[in-house]
C-alpha cells in the first residue's frame, strides 16, 4: 500500500538528486536500493513531483547542478569510509 508523504530521507534523496542533475530514473533506482536494504513501505518519486522539484525547489535553493551536489549525491548513495576521504 502506498504512503501519502515522503520520509525526510526520501525527500533528501530526491532534492539532492535533482540538485546533482540526476534524472527521475536514477533517483527512483536509489530509493529502490534503499528500500531493499532498509525494508518498510516504498514510495518512489513520481514524475510530477520530480518536475516540481526541478521547476520550483531547485531555483528557490539557488543551486544549479554543479560538482558540489554531484559529490553530495555520491556520498549519500555510496559513502566512503573516513580513511578514504
PDB file of N, CA and C in Angstrom:
ATOM      1  N   UNK A   1       0.843  -1.181   0.000  1.00  0.00           N
ATOM      2  CA  UNK A   1       0.000   0.000   0.000  1.00  0.00           C
ATOM      3  C   UNK A   1       0.886   1.242   0.000  1.00  0.00           C
ATOM      4  N   UNK A   2       0.608   2.167  -0.847  1.00  0.00           N
ATOM      5  CA  UNK A   2       1.434   3.374  -0.976  1.00  0.00           C
ATOM      6  C   UNK A   2       1.159   4.348   0.167  1.00  0.00           C
ATOM      7  N   UNK A   3       2.192   4.987   0.635  1.00  0.00           N
ATOM      8  CA  UNK A   3       2.073   6.005   1.681  1.00  0.00           C
ATOM      9  C   UNK A   3       1.748   7.343   1.046  1.00  0.00           C
ATOM     10  N   UNK A   4       1.261   8.263   1.852  1.00  0.00           N
ATOM     11  CA  UNK A   4       0.909   9.580   1.344  1.00  0.00           C
ATOM     12  C   UNK A   4       2.072  10.538   1.243  1.00  0.00           C
ATOM     13  N   UNK A   5       2.961  10.538   2.227  1.00  0.00           N
ATOM     14  CA  UNK A   5       4.041  11.523   2.251  1.00  0.00           C
ATOM     15  C   UNK A   5       5.398  10.840   2.176  1.00  0.00           C
ATOM     16  N   UNK A   6       6.370  11.601   1.706  1.00  0.00           N
ATOM     17  CA  UNK A   6       7.737  11.103   1.656  1.00  0.00           C
ATOM     18  C   UNK A   6       8.379  11.257   3.033  1.00  0.00           C
ATOM     19  N   UNK A   7       9.274  10.332   3.371  1.00  0.00           N
ATOM     20  CA  UNK A   7      10.042  10.482   4.598  1.00  0.00           C
ATOM     21  C   UNK A   7      11.111  11.552   4.371  1.00  0.00           C
ATOM     22  N   UNK A   8      11.720  12.008   5.451  1.00  0.00           N
ATOM     23  CA  UNK A   8      12.785  13.009   5.293  1.00  0.00           C
ATOM     24  C   UNK A   8      13.940  12.441   4.476  1.00  0.00           C
ATOM     25  N   UNK A   9      14.249  11.167   4.633  1.00  0.00           N
ATOM     26  CA  UNK A   9      15.311  10.545   3.840  1.00  0.00           C
ATOM     27  C   UNK A   9      14.969  10.491   2.361  1.00  0.00           C
ATOM     28  N   UNK A  10      13.723  10.155   2.059  1.00  0.00           N
ATOM     29  CA  UNK A  10      13.291  10.120   0.661  1.00  0.00           C
ATOM     30  C   UNK A  10      13.320  11.519   0.055  1.00  0.00           C
ATOM     31  N   UNK A  11      12.893  12.507   0.805  1.00  0.00           N
ATOM     32  CA  UNK A  11      12.949  13.892   0.307  1.00  0.00           C
ATOM     33  C   UNK A  11      14.392  14.315   0.078  1.00  0.00           C
ATOM     34  N   UNK A  12      15.290  13.941   0.991  1.00  0.00           N
ATOM     35  CA  UNK A  12      16.700  14.311   0.832  1.00  0.00           C
ATOM     36  C   UNK A  12      17.277  13.695  -0.439  1.00  0.00           C
ATOM     37  N   UNK A  13      16.990  12.426  -0.675  1.00  0.00           N
ATOM     38  CA  UNK A  13      17.479  11.769  -1.888  1.00  0.00           C
ATOM     39  C   UNK A  13      16.921  12.473  -3.120  1.00  0.00           C
ATOM     40  N   UNK A  14      15.640  12.808  -3.099  1.00  0.00           N
ATOM     41  CA  UNK A  14      15.020  13.458  -4.258  1.00  0.00           C
ATOM     42  C   UNK A  14      15.608  14.840  -4.504  1.00  0.00           C
ATOM     43  N   UNK A  15      15.704  15.667  -3.473  1.00  0.00           N
ATOM     44  CA  UNK A  15      16.198  17.042  -3.643  1.00  0.00           C
ATOM     45  C   UNK A  15      17.668  17.038  -4.050  1.00  0.00           C
ATOM     46  N   UNK A  16      18.489  16.267  -3.364  1.00  0.00           N
ATOM     47  CA  UNK A  16      19.917  16.239  -3.707  1.00  0.00           C
ATOM     48  C   UNK A  16      20.107  15.647  -5.101  1.00  0.00           C
ATOM     49  N   UNK A  17      19.298  14.650  -5.451  1.00  0.00           N
ATOM     50  CA  UNK A  17      19.381  14.094  -6.799  1.00  0.00           C
ATOM     51  C   UNK A  17      19.099  15.139  -7.860  1.00  0.00           C
ATOM     52  N   UNK A  18      18.044  15.921  -7.652  1.00  0.00           N
ATOM     53  CA  UNK A  18      17.715  16.990  -8.607  1.00  0.00           C
ATOM     54  C   UNK A  18      18.840  18.012  -8.669  1.00  0.00           C
ATOM     55  N   UNK A  19      19.343  18.429  -7.516  1.00  0.00           N
ATOM     56  CA  UNK A  19      20.420  19.429  -7.500  1.00  0.00           C
ATOM     57  C   UNK A  19      21.713  18.890  -8.099  1.00  0.00           C
ATOM     58  N   UNK A  20      21.873  17.564  -8.072  1.00  0.00           N
ATOM     59  CA  UNK A  20      23.058  16.942  -8.676  1.00  0.00           C
ATOM     60  C   UNK A  20      22.853  16.676 -10.164  1.00  0.00           C
ATOM     61  N   UNK A  21      21.671  17.039 -10.685  1.00  0.00           N
ATOM     62  CA  UNK A  21      21.408  16.847 -12.103  1.00  0.00           C
ATOM     63  C   UNK A  21      20.992  15.428 -12.456  1.00  0.00           C
ATOM     64  N   UNK A  22      20.544  14.647 -11.475  1.00  0.00           N
ATOM     65  CA  UNK A  22      20.127  13.268 -11.724  1.00  0.00           C
ATOM     66  C   UNK A  22      18.708  13.252 -12.266  1.00  0.00           C
ATOM     67  N   UNK A  23      18.428  12.278 -13.103  1.00  0.00           N
ATOM     68  CA  UNK A  23      17.091  12.127 -13.665  1.00  0.00           C
ATOM     69  C   UNK A  23      16.185  11.342 -12.737  1.00  0.00           C
ATOM     70  N   UNK A  24      14.918  11.301 -13.088  1.00  0.00           N
ATOM     71  CA  UNK A  24      13.919  10.596 -12.294  1.00  0.00           C
ATOM     72  C   UNK A  24      14.287   9.125 -12.113  1.00  0.00           C
ATOM     73  N   UNK A  25      14.768   8.486 -13.165  1.00  0.00           N
ATOM     74  CA  UNK A  25      15.117   7.062 -13.066  1.00  0.00           C
ATOM     75  C   UNK A  25      16.231   6.822 -12.059  1.00  0.00           C
ATOM     76  N   UNK A  26      17.267   7.651 -12.071  1.00  0.00           N
ATOM     77  CA  UNK A  26      18.381   7.483 -11.129  1.00  0.00           C
ATOM     78  C   UNK A  26      17.917   7.676  -9.687  1.00  0.00           C
ATOM     79  N   UNK A  27      17.047   8.654  -9.471  1.00  0.00           N
ATOM     80  CA  UNK A  27      16.536   8.907  -8.124  1.00  0.00           C
ATOM     81  C   UNK A  27      15.704   7.725  -7.651  1.00  0.00           C
ATOM     82  N   UNK A  28      14.816   7.227  -8.504  1.00  0.00           N
ATOM     83  CA  UNK A  28      13.988   6.099  -8.114  1.00  0.00           C
ATOM     84  C   UNK A  28      14.802   4.826  -7.931  1.00  0.00           C
ATOM     85  N   UNK A  29      15.860   4.646  -8.708  1.00  0.00           N
ATOM     86  CA  UNK A  29      16.747   3.496  -8.502  1.00  0.00           C
ATOM     87  C   UNK A  29      17.376   3.551  -7.113  1.00  0.00           C
ATOM     88  N   UNK A  30      17.780   4.749  -6.677  1.00  0.00           N
ATOM     89  CA  UNK A  30      18.361   4.885  -5.346  1.00  0.00           C
ATOM     90  C   UNK A  30      17.313   4.627  -4.267  1.00  0.00           C
ATOM     91  N   UNK A  31      16.107   5.149  -4.456  1.00  0.00           N
ATOM     92  CA  UNK A  31      15.039   4.902  -3.487  1.00  0.00           C
ATOM     93  C   UNK A  31      14.730   3.410  -3.380  1.00  0.00           C
ATOM     94  N   UNK A  32      14.743   2.706  -4.519  1.00  0.00           N
ATOM     95  CA  UNK A  32      14.504   1.261  -4.501  1.00  0.00           C
ATOM     96  C   UNK A  32      15.643   0.527  -3.803  1.00  0.00           C
ATOM     97  N   UNK A  33      16.878   0.950  -4.050  1.00  0.00           N
ATOM     98  CA  UNK A  33      18.027   0.316  -3.394  1.00  0.00           C
ATOM     99  C   UNK A  33      17.965   0.524  -1.882  1.00  0.00           C
ATOM    100  N   UNK A  34      17.579   1.734  -1.469  1.00  0.00           N
ATOM    101  CA  UNK A  34      17.438   1.998  -0.034  1.00  0.00           C
ATOM    102  C   UNK A  34      16.351   1.118   0.564  1.00  0.00           C
ATOM    103  N   UNK A  35      15.247   0.986  -0.135  1.00  0.00           N
ATOM    104  CA  UNK A  35      14.141   0.162   0.348  1.00  0.00           C
ATOM    105  C   UNK A  35      14.580  -1.296   0.467  1.00  0.00           C
ATOM    106  N   UNK A  36      15.304  -1.790  -0.528  1.00  0.00           N
ATOM    107  CA  UNK A  36      15.765  -3.182  -0.498  1.00  0.00           C
ATOM    108  C   UNK A  36      16.667  -3.433   0.709  1.00  0.00           C
ATOM    109  N   UNK A  37      17.442  -2.442   1.073  1.00  0.00           N
ATOM    110  CA  UNK A  37      18.366  -2.571   2.195  1.00  0.00           C
ATOM    111  C   UNK A  37      17.653  -2.367   3.534  1.00  0.00           C
ATOM    112  N   UNK A  38      16.755  -1.395   3.594  1.00  0.00           N
ATOM    113  CA  UNK A  38      16.160  -0.993   4.870  1.00  0.00           C
ATOM    114  C   UNK A  38      14.778  -1.569   5.132  1.00  0.00           C
ATOM    115  N   UNK A  39      14.073  -1.996   4.088  1.00  0.00           N
ATOM    116  CA  UNK A  39      12.722  -2.518   4.263  1.00  0.00           C
ATOM    117  C   UNK A  39      11.704  -1.411   4.425  1.00  0.00           C
ATOM    118  N   UNK A  40      10.519  -1.776   4.852  1.00  0.00           N
ATOM    119  CA  UNK A  40       9.453  -0.800   5.024  1.00  0.00           C
ATOM    120  C   UNK A  40       8.734  -0.531   3.724  1.00  0.00           C
ATOM    121  N   UNK A  41       7.757   0.345   3.798  1.00  0.00           N
ATOM    122  CA  UNK A  41       6.998   0.725   2.606  1.00  0.00           C
ATOM    123  C   UNK A  41       7.855   1.604   1.710  1.00  0.00           C
ATOM    124  N   UNK A  42       7.685   1.426   0.421  1.00  0.00           N
ATOM    125  CA  UNK A  42       8.457   2.231  -0.534  1.00  0.00           C
ATOM    126  C   UNK A  42       7.551   3.264  -1.190  1.00  0.00           C
ATOM    127  N   UNK A  43       8.066   4.429  -1.402  1.00  0.00           N
ATOM    128  CA  UNK A  43       7.362   5.469  -2.155  1.00  0.00           C
ATOM    129  C   UNK A  43       8.361   6.043  -3.145  1.00  0.00           C
ATOM    130  N   UNK A  44       8.163   5.733  -4.408  1.00  0.00           N
ATOM    131  CA  UNK A  44       9.025   6.272  -5.453  1.00  0.00           C
ATOM    132  C   UNK A  44       8.581   7.684  -5.784  1.00  0.00           C
ATOM    133  N   UNK A  45       9.499   8.436  -6.332  1.00  0.00           N
ATOM    134  CA  UNK A  45       9.202   9.800  -6.754  1.00  0.00           C
ATOM    135  C   UNK A  45       8.429   9.740  -8.063  1.00  0.00           C
ATOM    136  N   UNK A  46       7.271  10.391  -8.104  1.00  0.00           N
ATOM    137  CA  UNK A  46       6.510  10.373  -9.353  1.00  0.00           C
ATOM    138  C   UNK A  46       6.979  11.521 -10.255  1.00  0.00           C
ATOM    139  N   UNK A  47       6.599  11.427 -11.502  1.00  0.00           N
ATOM    140  CA  UNK A  47       7.100  12.386 -12.497  1.00  0.00           C
ATOM    141  C   UNK A  47       6.700  13.825 -12.169  1.00  0.00           C
ATOM    142  N   UNK A  48       5.472  14.021 -11.708  1.00  0.00           N
ATOM    143  CA  UNK A  48       5.032  15.384 -11.388  1.00  0.00           C
ATOM    144  C   UNK A  48       5.811  15.966 -10.209  1.00  0.00           C
ATOM    145  N   UNK A  49       6.087  15.158  -9.198  1.00  0.00           N
ATOM    146  CA  UNK A  49       6.893  15.634  -8.063  1.00  0.00           C
ATOM    147  C   UNK A  49       8.304  15.980  -8.524  1.00  0.00           C
ATOM    148  N   UNK A  50       8.869  15.145  -9.402  1.00  0.00           N
ATOM    149  CA  UNK A  50      10.199  15.405  -9.946  1.00  0.00           C
ATOM    150  C   UNK A  50      10.221  16.736 -10.694  1.00  0.00           C
ATOM    151  N   UNK A  51       9.238  16.952 -11.551  1.00  0.00           N
ATOM    152  CA  UNK A  51       9.175  18.196 -12.324  1.00  0.00           C
ATOM    153  C   UNK A  51       9.033  19.414 -11.404  1.00  0.00           C
ATOM    154  N   UNK A  52       8.241  19.263 -10.339  1.00  0.00           N
ATOM    155  CA  UNK A  52       8.061  20.361  -9.387  1.00  0.00           C
ATOM    156  C   UNK A  52       9.378  20.671  -8.675  1.00  0.00           C
ATOM    157  N   UNK A  53      10.138  19.639  -8.313  1.00  0.00           N
ATOM    158  CA  UNK A  53      11.435  19.871  -7.687  1.00  0.00           C
ATOM    159  C   UNK A  53      12.366  20.632  -8.628  1.00  0.00           C
ATOM    160  N   UNK A  54      12.374  20.221  -9.893  1.00  0.00           N
ATOM    161  CA  UNK A  54      13.237  20.870 -10.887  1.00  0.00           C
ATOM    162  C   UNK A  54      12.812  22.321 -11.123  1.00  0.00           C
ATOM    163  N   UNK A  55      11.496  22.551 -11.251  1.00  0.00           N
ATOM    164  CA  UNK A  55      10.992  23.894 -11.578  1.00  0.00           C
ATOM    165  C   UNK A  55      10.979  24.834 -10.381  1.00  0.00           C
ATOM    166  N   UNK A  56      10.600  24.349  -9.223  1.00  0.00           N
ATOM    167  CA  UNK A  56      10.341  25.235  -8.084  1.00  0.00           C
ATOM    168  C   UNK A  56      11.399  25.165  -6.989  1.00  0.00           C
ATOM    169  N   UNK A  57      11.738  23.953  -6.531  1.00  0.00           N
ATOM    170  CA  UNK A  57      12.649  23.831  -5.397  1.00  0.00           C
ATOM    171  C   UNK A  57      14.085  24.181  -5.746  1.00  0.00           C
ATOM    172  N   UNK A  58      14.598  23.612  -6.829  1.00  0.00           N
ATOM    173  CA  UNK A  58      15.997  23.872  -7.180  1.00  0.00           C
ATOM    174  C   UNK A  58      16.261  25.362  -7.364  1.00  0.00           C
ATOM    175  N   UNK A  59      15.426  26.098  -8.107  1.00  0.00           N
ATOM    176  CA  UNK A  59      15.686  27.534  -8.238  1.00  0.00           C
ATOM    177  C   UNK A  59      15.560  28.282  -6.909  1.00  0.00           C
ATOM    178  N   UNK A  60      14.646  27.846  -6.030  1.00  0.00           N
ATOM    179  CA  UNK A  60      14.487  28.556  -4.760  1.00  0.00           C
ATOM    180  C   UNK A  60      15.675  28.331  -3.838  1.00  0.00           C
ATOM    181  N   UNK A  61      16.385  27.227  -4.029  1.00  0.00           N
ATOM    182  CA  UNK A  61      17.600  26.960  -3.258  1.00  0.00           C
ATOM    183  C   UNK A  61      18.774  27.706  -3.887  1.00  0.00           C
ATOM    184  N   UNK A  62      18.549  28.239  -5.088  1.00  0.00           N
ATOM    185  CA  UNK A  62      19.580  28.970  -5.828  1.00  0.00           C
ATOM    186  C   UNK A  62      20.769  28.065  -6.108  1.00  0.00           C
ATOM    187  N   UNK A  63      20.466  26.902  -6.642  1.00  0.00           N
ATOM    188  CA  UNK A  63      21.536  25.950  -6.903  1.00  0.00           C
ATOM    189  C   UNK A  63      21.322  25.287  -8.253  1.00  0.00           C
ATOM    190  N   UNK A  64      22.124  25.654  -9.199  1.00  0.00           N
ATOM    191  CA  UNK A  64      22.148  24.931 -10.459  1.00  0.00           C
ATOM    192  C   UNK A  64      22.963  23.662 -10.235  1.00  0.00           C
ATOM    193  N   UNK A  65      22.702  22.606 -11.014  1.00  0.00           N
ATOM    194  CA  UNK A  65      23.516  21.402 -10.849  1.00  0.00           C
ATOM    195  C   UNK A  65      24.995  21.746 -10.972  1.00  0.00           C
ATOM    196  N   UNK A  66      25.772  21.358  -9.991  1.00  0.00           N
ATOM    197  CA  UNK A  66      27.215  21.575 -10.055  1.00  0.00           C
ATOM    198  C   UNK A  66      27.933  20.460  -9.322  1.00  0.00           C
ATOM    199  N   UNK A  67      29.242  20.516  -9.292  1.00  0.00           N
ATOM    200  CA  UNK A  67      30.026  19.413  -8.752  1.00  0.00           C
ATOM    201  C   UNK A  67      29.791  19.184  -7.258  1.00  0.00           C
ATOM    202  N   UNK A  68      29.447  20.234  -6.505  1.00  0.00           N
ATOM    203  CA  UNK A  68      29.191  20.025  -5.069  1.00  0.00           C
ATOM    204  C   UNK A  68      28.001  19.119  -4.857  1.00  0.00           C
ATOM    205  N   UNK A  69      26.942  19.341  -5.611  1.00  0.00           N
ATOM    206  CA  UNK A  69      25.763  18.489  -5.455  1.00  0.00           C
ATOM    207  C   UNK A  69      26.049  17.095  -5.986  1.00  0.00           C
ATOM    208  N   UNK A  70      26.852  16.990  -7.031  1.00  0.00           N
ATOM    209  CA  UNK A  70      27.237  15.671  -7.538  1.00  0.00           C
ATOM    210  C   UNK A  70      28.032  14.894  -6.505  1.00  0.00           C
ATOM    211  N   UNK A  71      28.948  15.570  -5.825  1.00  0.00           N
ATOM    212  CA  UNK A  71      29.728  14.903  -4.771  1.00  0.00           C
ATOM    213  C   UNK A  71      28.847  14.548  -3.576  1.00  0.00           C
ATOM    214  N   UNK A  72      27.879  15.403  -3.279  1.00  0.00           N
ATOM    215  CA  UNK A  72      26.942  15.093  -2.199  1.00  0.00           C
ATOM    216  C   UNK A  72      26.121  13.865  -2.562  1.00  0.00           C
ATOM    217  N   UNK A  73      25.642  13.801  -3.798  1.00  0.00           N
ATOM    218  CA  UNK A  73      24.902  12.617  -4.265  1.00  0.00           C
ATOM    219  C   UNK A  73      25.766  11.375  -4.134  1.00  0.00           C
ATOM    220  N   UNK A  74      27.011  11.458  -4.580  1.00  0.00           N
ATOM    221  CA  UNK A  74      27.914  10.308  -4.486  1.00  0.00           C
ATOM    222  C   UNK A  74      28.065   9.859  -3.035  1.00  0.00           C
ATOM    223  N   UNK A  75      28.142  10.819  -2.127  1.00  0.00           N
ATOM    224  CA  UNK A  75      28.328  10.465  -0.718  1.00  0.00           C
ATOM    225  C   UNK A  75      27.083   9.804  -0.128  1.00  0.00           C
ATOM    226  N   UNK A  76      25.902  10.314  -0.437  1.00  0.00           N
ATOM    227  CA  UNK A  76      24.713   9.707   0.168  1.00  0.00           C
ATOM    228  C   UNK A  76      24.357   8.374  -0.482  1.00  0.00           C
ATOM    229  N   UNK A  77      24.761   8.167  -1.727  1.00  0.00           N
ATOM    230  CA  UNK A  77      24.432   6.904  -2.391  1.00  0.00           C
ATOM    231  C   UNK A  77      25.515   5.848  -2.225  1.00  0.00           C
ATOM    232  N   UNK A  78      26.735   6.254  -1.980  1.00  0.00           N
ATOM    233  CA  UNK A  78      27.846   5.301  -1.790  1.00  0.00           C
ATOM    234  C   UNK A  78      28.894   5.952  -0.893  1.00  0.00           C
ATOM    235  N   UNK A  79      28.608   6.065   0.419  1.00  0.00           N
ATOM    236  CA  UNK A  79      29.530   6.772   1.309  1.00  0.00           C
ATOM    237  C   UNK A  79      30.898   6.088   1.394  1.00  0.00           C
ATOM    238  N   UNK A  80      31.925   6.914   1.509  1.00  0.00           N
ATOM    239  CA  UNK A  80      33.282   6.414   1.675  1.00  0.00           C
ATOM    240  C   UNK A  80      33.595   6.331   3.162  1.00  0.00           C
ATOM    241  N   UNK A  81      34.519   5.457   3.489  1.00  0.00           N
ATOM    242  CA  UNK A  81      34.956   5.407   4.883  1.00  0.00           C
ATOM    243  C   UNK A  81      35.786   6.653   5.180  1.00  0.00           C
ATOM    244  N   UNK A  82      35.914   6.981   6.444  1.00  0.00           N
ATOM    245  CA  UNK A  82      36.682   8.171   6.828  1.00  0.00           C
ATOM    246  C   UNK A  82      38.111   8.105   6.328  1.00  0.00           C
ATOM    247  N   UNK A  83      38.699   6.940   6.321  1.00  0.00           N
ATOM    248  CA  UNK A  83      40.101   6.845   5.877  1.00  0.00           C
ATOM    249  C   UNK A  83      40.253   7.116   4.394  1.00  0.00           C
ATOM    250  N   UNK A  84      39.158   6.977   3.615  1.00  0.00           N
ATOM    251  CA  UNK A  84      39.220   7.224   2.174  1.00  0.00           C
ATOM    252  C   UNK A  84      38.911   8.666   1.799  1.00  0.00           C
ATOM    253  N   UNK A  85      38.585   9.500   2.777  1.00  0.00           N
ATOM    254  CA  UNK A  85      38.255  10.895   2.477  1.00  0.00           C
ATOM    255  C   UNK A  85      39.506  11.731   2.342  1.00  0.00           C
TER     256      UNK A  85
END
